[in-house]
Amino acid sequence: VEEVRRLHVFFDDWFSGRSGLAIEELSEALDEDFTIVSPHGTISTRNETVTAVEDKFGAIDVVITVENLHVRRIGGTYLCRYDEIHDVAGERSRRVSTAVLVSDESSPGGLRWISVHETSTNA
């Protein structure tokens, strides 16, 4: 699903402070009831997630890469699992993420994010 890569390019550009972006790229992609479970087990809502990301514009020189993307489509629902690699100042970290997305033509990438669960692994 191209939406997974599209949103992670947004994160890469946002955290690095590249111009031409709006936080709406994120907020419009997330469902109103969106939740994310961080690698540390913290659960954040859509509003908490958008605020946390918004506060970090240009704060991190990071390169984010998505690898090993596996997608299972069930009707208009997509179950995605992927590796998310963060390279920050020569340090590499890896997360295995599982995401649930649903078809929604009004969303920027044609899909709306319902839930994400991230787990840290060794790079």
N, C-alpha and C. Protein backbone atom coordinates (compact mmCIF):
# COMPACT_ATOMS: atom_id res chain seq x y z
N VAL A 1 0.86 -1.18 0.00
CA VAL A 1 0.00 0.00 0.00
C VAL A 1 0.91 1.24 0.00
N GLU A 2 0.78 2.03 -1.01
CA GLU A 2 1.61 3.23 -1.15
C GLU A 2 1.39 4.22 -0.01
N GLU A 3 0.23 4.20 0.61
CA GLU A 3 -0.08 5.12 1.71
C GLU A 3 0.91 4.97 2.87
N VAL A 4 1.36 3.77 3.15
CA VAL A 4 2.32 3.56 4.24
C VAL A 4 3.60 4.33 3.93
N ARG A 5 4.10 4.20 2.72
CA ARG A 5 5.32 4.93 2.34
C ARG A 5 5.08 6.43 2.29
N ARG A 6 3.93 6.85 1.76
CA ARG A 6 3.60 8.27 1.63
C ARG A 6 3.63 8.95 3.00
N LEU A 7 3.01 8.34 4.00
CA LEU A 7 2.96 8.97 5.31
C LEU A 7 4.33 8.98 5.99
N HIS A 8 5.14 7.96 5.74
CA HIS A 8 6.47 7.95 6.34
C HIS A 8 7.42 8.95 5.66
N VAL A 9 7.20 9.23 4.39
CA VAL A 9 7.94 10.31 3.73
C VAL A 9 7.55 11.64 4.38
N PHE A 10 6.26 11.79 4.68
CA PHE A 10 5.82 12.99 5.40
C PHE A 10 6.57 13.13 6.72
N PHE A 11 6.62 12.04 7.53
CA PHE A 11 7.32 12.09 8.82
C PHE A 11 8.79 12.47 8.62
N ASP A 12 9.44 11.84 7.66
CA ASP A 12 10.84 12.12 7.36
C ASP A 12 11.03 13.60 7.06
N ASP A 13 10.19 14.13 6.17
CA ASP A 13 10.29 15.54 5.78
C ASP A 13 9.92 16.48 6.93
N TRP A 14 8.89 16.11 7.70
CA TRP A 14 8.42 16.97 8.79
C TRP A 14 9.48 17.09 9.89
N PHE A 15 9.96 15.94 10.38
CA PHE A 15 10.93 15.96 11.47
C PHE A 15 12.23 16.63 11.05
N SER A 16 12.58 16.55 9.76
CA SER A 16 13.80 17.17 9.25
C SER A 16 13.60 18.64 8.91
N GLY A 17 12.36 19.13 8.93
CA GLY A 17 12.08 20.55 8.71
C GLY A 17 12.09 20.98 7.27
N ARG A 18 11.85 20.05 6.36
CA ARG A 18 11.79 20.43 4.94
C ARG A 18 10.53 21.25 4.69
N SER A 19 10.60 22.21 3.79
CA SER A 19 9.49 23.14 3.56
C SER A 19 8.37 22.52 2.72
N GLY A 20 7.26 23.26 2.64
CA GLY A 20 6.15 22.87 1.79
C GLY A 20 5.18 21.88 2.41
N LEU A 21 5.29 21.67 3.70
CA LEU A 21 4.44 20.70 4.37
C LEU A 21 3.42 21.38 5.27
N ALA A 22 2.32 20.68 5.50
CA ALA A 22 1.31 21.13 6.44
C ALA A 22 0.95 19.95 7.33
N ILE A 23 0.70 20.22 8.61
CA ILE A 23 0.37 19.16 9.55
C ILE A 23 -0.93 18.45 9.14
N GLU A 24 -1.73 19.10 8.30
CA GLU A 24 -2.96 18.48 7.81
C GLU A 24 -2.68 17.21 7.01
N GLU A 25 -1.46 17.09 6.45
CA GLU A 25 -1.08 15.85 5.77
C GLU A 25 -1.23 14.66 6.70
N LEU A 26 -0.95 14.88 7.97
CA LEU A 26 -1.08 13.83 8.97
C LEU A 26 -2.50 13.78 9.52
N SER A 27 -3.00 14.90 10.00
CA SER A 27 -4.29 14.90 10.68
C SER A 27 -5.43 14.41 9.80
N GLU A 28 -5.39 14.72 8.51
CA GLU A 28 -6.45 14.27 7.60
C GLU A 28 -6.33 12.80 7.24
N ALA A 29 -5.15 12.21 7.47
CA ALA A 29 -4.96 10.79 7.16
C ALA A 29 -5.38 9.88 8.31
N LEU A 30 -5.45 10.43 9.52
CA LEU A 30 -5.78 9.63 10.69
C LEU A 30 -7.27 9.67 11.00
N ASP A 31 -7.82 8.51 11.32
CA ASP A 31 -9.22 8.42 11.71
C ASP A 31 -9.45 9.20 13.00
N GLU A 32 -10.65 9.67 13.19
CA GLU A 32 -11.01 10.41 14.40
C GLU A 32 -10.73 9.58 15.66
N ASP A 33 -10.91 8.27 15.58
CA ASP A 33 -10.69 7.37 16.72
C ASP A 33 -9.33 6.65 16.64
N PHE A 34 -8.41 7.17 15.84
CA PHE A 34 -7.08 6.57 15.67
C PHE A 34 -6.37 6.43 17.01
N THR A 35 -5.65 5.31 17.15
CA THR A 35 -4.74 5.13 18.29
C THR A 35 -3.44 4.52 17.79
N ILE A 36 -2.36 4.83 18.52
CA ILE A 36 -1.07 4.24 18.23
C ILE A 36 -0.48 3.74 19.54
N VAL A 37 0.09 2.54 19.50
CA VAL A 37 0.81 1.99 20.65
C VAL A 37 2.29 2.13 20.32
N SER A 38 3.00 2.89 21.15
CA SER A 38 4.43 3.13 20.92
C SER A 38 5.23 1.89 21.28
N PRO A 39 6.51 1.86 20.88
CA PRO A 39 7.37 0.73 21.27
C PRO A 39 7.48 0.55 22.78
N HIS A 40 7.18 1.61 23.55
CA HIS A 40 7.26 1.54 25.00
C HIS A 40 5.92 1.18 25.65
N GLY A 41 4.89 0.98 24.82
CA GLY A 41 3.58 0.59 25.34
C GLY A 41 2.63 1.74 25.62
N THR A 42 3.03 2.97 25.32
CA THR A 42 2.16 4.12 25.52
C THR A 42 1.12 4.17 24.41
N ILE A 43 -0.13 4.39 24.78
CA ILE A 43 -1.22 4.51 23.79
C ILE A 43 -1.55 5.99 23.63
N SER A 44 -1.54 6.46 22.38
CA SER A 44 -1.85 7.85 22.08
C SER A 44 -3.03 7.93 21.13
N THR A 45 -3.86 8.95 21.34
CA THR A 45 -5.01 9.20 20.47
C THR A 45 -4.57 9.98 19.22
N ARG A 46 -5.50 10.18 18.34
CA ARG A 46 -5.23 10.98 17.14
C ARG A 46 -4.73 12.37 17.52
N ASN A 47 -5.45 13.06 18.39
CA ASN A 47 -5.07 14.43 18.76
C ASN A 47 -3.72 14.46 19.45
N GLU A 48 -3.45 13.52 20.32
CA GLU A 48 -2.15 13.46 20.99
C GLU A 48 -1.03 13.21 19.99
N THR A 49 -1.30 12.34 19.02
CA THR A 49 -0.30 12.02 18.00
C THR A 49 0.00 13.23 17.13
N VAL A 50 -1.04 13.89 16.65
CA VAL A 50 -0.86 15.06 15.79
C VAL A 50 -0.11 16.16 16.54
N THR A 51 -0.47 16.41 17.79
CA THR A 51 0.20 17.45 18.60
C THR A 51 1.67 17.11 18.81
N ALA A 52 1.95 15.84 19.13
CA ALA A 52 3.35 15.43 19.36
C ALA A 52 4.19 15.60 18.10
N VAL A 53 3.64 15.23 16.96
CA VAL A 53 4.37 15.38 15.69
C VAL A 53 4.52 16.86 15.35
N GLU A 54 3.46 17.62 15.51
CA GLU A 54 3.50 19.04 15.19
C GLU A 54 4.60 19.75 15.98
N ASP A 55 4.77 19.39 17.23
CA ASP A 55 5.77 20.02 18.09
C ASP A 55 7.20 19.67 17.70
N LYS A 56 7.39 18.67 16.85
CA LYS A 56 8.74 18.23 16.49
C LYS A 56 9.15 18.66 15.08
N PHE A 57 8.47 19.64 14.50
CA PHE A 57 8.85 20.11 13.17
C PHE A 57 10.28 20.60 13.19
N GLY A 58 11.11 20.02 12.32
CA GLY A 58 12.50 20.45 12.19
C GLY A 58 13.39 20.11 13.37
N ALA A 59 12.91 19.29 14.30
CA ALA A 59 13.66 19.02 15.53
C ALA A 59 14.62 17.84 15.43
N ILE A 60 14.45 16.99 14.42
CA ILE A 60 15.24 15.77 14.34
C ILE A 60 15.79 15.61 12.93
N ASP A 61 17.08 15.44 12.79
CA ASP A 61 17.66 15.15 11.48
C ASP A 61 17.60 13.64 11.30
N VAL A 62 16.53 13.19 10.68
CA VAL A 62 16.25 11.76 10.59
C VAL A 62 15.98 11.35 9.15
N VAL A 63 16.33 10.13 8.85
CA VAL A 63 15.92 9.49 7.60
C VAL A 63 15.09 8.28 8.01
N ILE A 64 13.86 8.24 7.53
CA ILE A 64 12.94 7.14 7.86
C ILE A 64 12.70 6.32 6.60
N THR A 65 12.89 5.02 6.72
CA THR A 65 12.71 4.11 5.60
C THR A 65 11.73 3.02 5.99
N VAL A 66 10.87 2.64 5.04
CA VAL A 66 9.95 1.53 5.24
C VAL A 66 10.45 0.36 4.41
N GLU A 67 10.61 -0.80 5.07
CA GLU A 67 11.05 -2.01 4.38
C GLU A 67 10.12 -3.17 4.74
N ASN A 68 10.20 -4.23 3.96
CA ASN A 68 9.48 -5.48 4.23
C ASN A 68 7.98 -5.26 4.45
N LEU A 69 7.39 -4.46 3.58
CA LEU A 69 5.96 -4.15 3.69
C LEU A 69 5.13 -5.35 3.22
N HIS A 70 4.29 -5.84 4.10
CA HIS A 70 3.36 -6.94 3.78
C HIS A 70 1.95 -6.40 3.99
N VAL A 71 1.08 -6.64 3.00
CA VAL A 71 -0.28 -6.11 3.06
C VAL A 71 -1.27 -7.23 2.82
N ARG A 72 -2.30 -7.26 3.65
CA ARG A 72 -3.42 -8.18 3.45
C ARG A 72 -4.67 -7.34 3.35
N ARG A 73 -5.36 -7.44 2.21
CA ARG A 73 -6.58 -6.67 1.99
C ARG A 73 -7.78 -7.58 2.25
N ILE A 74 -8.71 -7.07 3.06
CA ILE A 74 -9.95 -7.77 3.34
C ILE A 74 -11.06 -6.76 3.08
N GLY A 75 -11.68 -6.85 1.90
CA GLY A 75 -12.65 -5.84 1.50
C GLY A 75 -11.97 -4.49 1.39
N GLY A 76 -12.48 -3.50 2.12
CA GLY A 76 -11.90 -2.16 2.12
C GLY A 76 -10.94 -1.92 3.27
N THR A 77 -10.54 -3.00 3.96
CA THR A 77 -9.63 -2.89 5.09
C THR A 77 -8.28 -3.47 4.72
N TYR A 78 -7.22 -2.80 5.13
CA TYR A 78 -5.85 -3.23 4.84
C TYR A 78 -5.12 -3.46 6.16
N LEU A 79 -4.57 -4.66 6.31
CA LEU A 79 -3.73 -4.98 7.45
C LEU A 79 -2.29 -4.97 6.93
N CYS A 80 -1.49 -4.05 7.47
CA CYS A 80 -0.12 -3.85 6.98
C CYS A 80 0.88 -4.14 8.09
N ARG A 81 1.96 -4.83 7.73
CA ARG A 81 3.08 -5.02 8.65
C ARG A 81 4.33 -4.59 7.90
N TYR A 82 5.19 -3.83 8.57
CA TYR A 82 6.38 -3.31 7.91
C TYR A 82 7.44 -2.99 8.94
N ASP A 83 8.67 -2.93 8.46
CA ASP A 83 9.79 -2.47 9.28
C ASP A 83 9.97 -0.98 9.02
N GLU A 84 10.09 -0.23 10.09
CA GLU A 84 10.33 1.21 10.00
C GLU A 84 11.72 1.46 10.56
N ILE A 85 12.61 1.94 9.70
CA ILE A 85 14.00 2.16 10.10
C ILE A 85 14.23 3.66 10.26
N HIS A 86 14.80 4.04 11.41
CA HIS A 86 15.12 5.43 11.70
C HIS A 86 16.63 5.56 11.77
N ASP A 87 17.20 6.43 10.95
CA ASP A 87 18.61 6.77 11.02
C ASP A 87 18.72 8.20 11.54
N VAL A 88 19.23 8.34 12.77
CA VAL A 88 19.36 9.64 13.41
C VAL A 88 20.82 9.81 13.85
N ALA A 89 21.49 10.77 13.23
CA ALA A 89 22.88 11.09 13.60
C ALA A 89 23.76 9.85 13.70
N GLY A 90 23.66 8.98 12.70
CA GLY A 90 24.50 7.79 12.67
C GLY A 90 24.00 6.63 13.50
N GLU A 91 22.93 6.83 14.25
CA GLU A 91 22.34 5.76 15.05
C GLU A 91 21.12 5.21 14.32
N ARG A 92 21.05 3.89 14.24
CA ARG A 92 19.95 3.26 13.53
C ARG A 92 19.07 2.50 14.52
N SER A 93 17.76 2.67 14.37
CA SER A 93 16.81 1.88 15.16
C SER A 93 15.77 1.32 14.20
N ARG A 94 15.18 0.22 14.62
CA ARG A 94 14.19 -0.46 13.78
C ARG A 94 12.96 -0.75 14.61
N ARG A 95 11.79 -0.54 13.99
CA ARG A 95 10.52 -0.88 14.60
C ARG A 95 9.78 -1.80 13.64
N VAL A 96 9.15 -2.81 14.19
CA VAL A 96 8.21 -3.60 13.41
C VAL A 96 6.85 -3.03 13.75
N SER A 97 6.13 -2.60 12.73
CA SER A 97 4.84 -1.95 12.93
C SER A 97 3.73 -2.72 12.24
N THR A 98 2.58 -2.72 12.88
CA THR A 98 1.37 -3.28 12.30
C THR A 98 0.35 -2.16 12.26
N ALA A 99 -0.28 -1.98 11.10
CA ALA A 99 -1.24 -0.89 10.93
C ALA A 99 -2.51 -1.41 10.28
N VAL A 100 -3.63 -0.82 10.69
CA VAL A 100 -4.92 -1.10 10.07
C VAL A 100 -5.38 0.18 9.38
N LEU A 101 -5.66 0.08 8.08
CA LEU A 101 -6.13 1.20 7.29
C LEU A 101 -7.43 0.79 6.60
N VAL A 102 -8.28 1.77 6.30
CA VAL A 102 -9.51 1.50 5.56
C VAL A 102 -9.60 2.45 4.37
N SER A 103 -10.26 1.98 3.33
CA SER A 103 -10.46 2.82 2.14
C SER A 103 -11.27 4.05 2.52
N ASP A 104 -10.82 5.22 2.04
CA ASP A 104 -11.52 6.47 2.29
C ASP A 104 -11.01 7.49 1.27
N GLU A 105 -11.78 7.72 0.24
CA GLU A 105 -11.37 8.63 -0.84
C GLU A 105 -11.17 10.07 -0.37
N SER A 106 -11.75 10.44 0.78
CA SER A 106 -11.58 11.82 1.26
C SER A 106 -10.25 12.01 1.98
N SER A 107 -9.56 10.93 2.28
CA SER A 107 -8.26 11.00 2.94
C SER A 107 -7.17 11.29 1.90
N PRO A 108 -6.10 12.00 2.29
CA PRO A 108 -5.07 12.40 1.32
C PRO A 108 -4.52 11.25 0.46
N GLY A 109 -4.30 10.07 1.02
CA GLY A 109 -3.76 8.95 0.26
C GLY A 109 -4.81 7.93 -0.14
N GLY A 110 -6.10 8.26 0.05
CA GLY A 110 -7.18 7.34 -0.32
C GLY A 110 -7.44 6.27 0.72
N LEU A 111 -6.67 6.30 1.81
CA LEU A 111 -6.86 5.37 2.92
C LEU A 111 -6.79 6.15 4.22
N ARG A 112 -7.54 5.70 5.21
CA ARG A 112 -7.52 6.32 6.53
C ARG A 112 -6.91 5.36 7.54
N TRP A 113 -5.99 5.88 8.35
CA TRP A 113 -5.30 5.09 9.37
C TRP A 113 -6.20 4.93 10.57
N ILE A 114 -6.44 3.68 11.00
CA ILE A 114 -7.29 3.38 12.14
C ILE A 114 -6.44 3.11 13.38
N SER A 115 -5.38 2.33 13.22
CA SER A 115 -4.58 1.91 14.36
C SER A 115 -3.17 1.54 13.91
N VAL A 116 -2.20 1.79 14.79
CA VAL A 116 -0.82 1.37 14.57
C VAL A 116 -0.30 0.81 15.89
N HIS A 117 0.50 -0.25 15.78
CA HIS A 117 1.17 -0.83 16.95
C HIS A 117 2.63 -1.02 16.56
N GLU A 118 3.55 -0.37 17.29
CA GLU A 118 4.98 -0.42 16.99
C GLU A 118 5.72 -1.21 18.06
N THR A 119 6.70 -1.99 17.63
CA THR A 119 7.55 -2.75 18.54
C THR A 119 9.01 -2.50 18.16
N SER A 120 9.83 -2.14 19.13
CA SER A 120 11.25 -1.91 18.87
C SER A 120 11.99 -3.23 18.70
N THR A 121 12.97 -3.21 17.80
CA THR A 121 13.86 -4.35 17.61
C THR A 121 15.27 -3.81 17.49
N ASN A 122 16.25 -4.66 17.47
CA ASN A 122 17.63 -4.22 17.23
C ASN A 122 17.82 -3.97 15.76
N ALA A 123 18.60 -2.95 15.40
CA ALA A 123 18.82 -2.59 13.99
C ALA A 123 19.56 -3.61 13.28
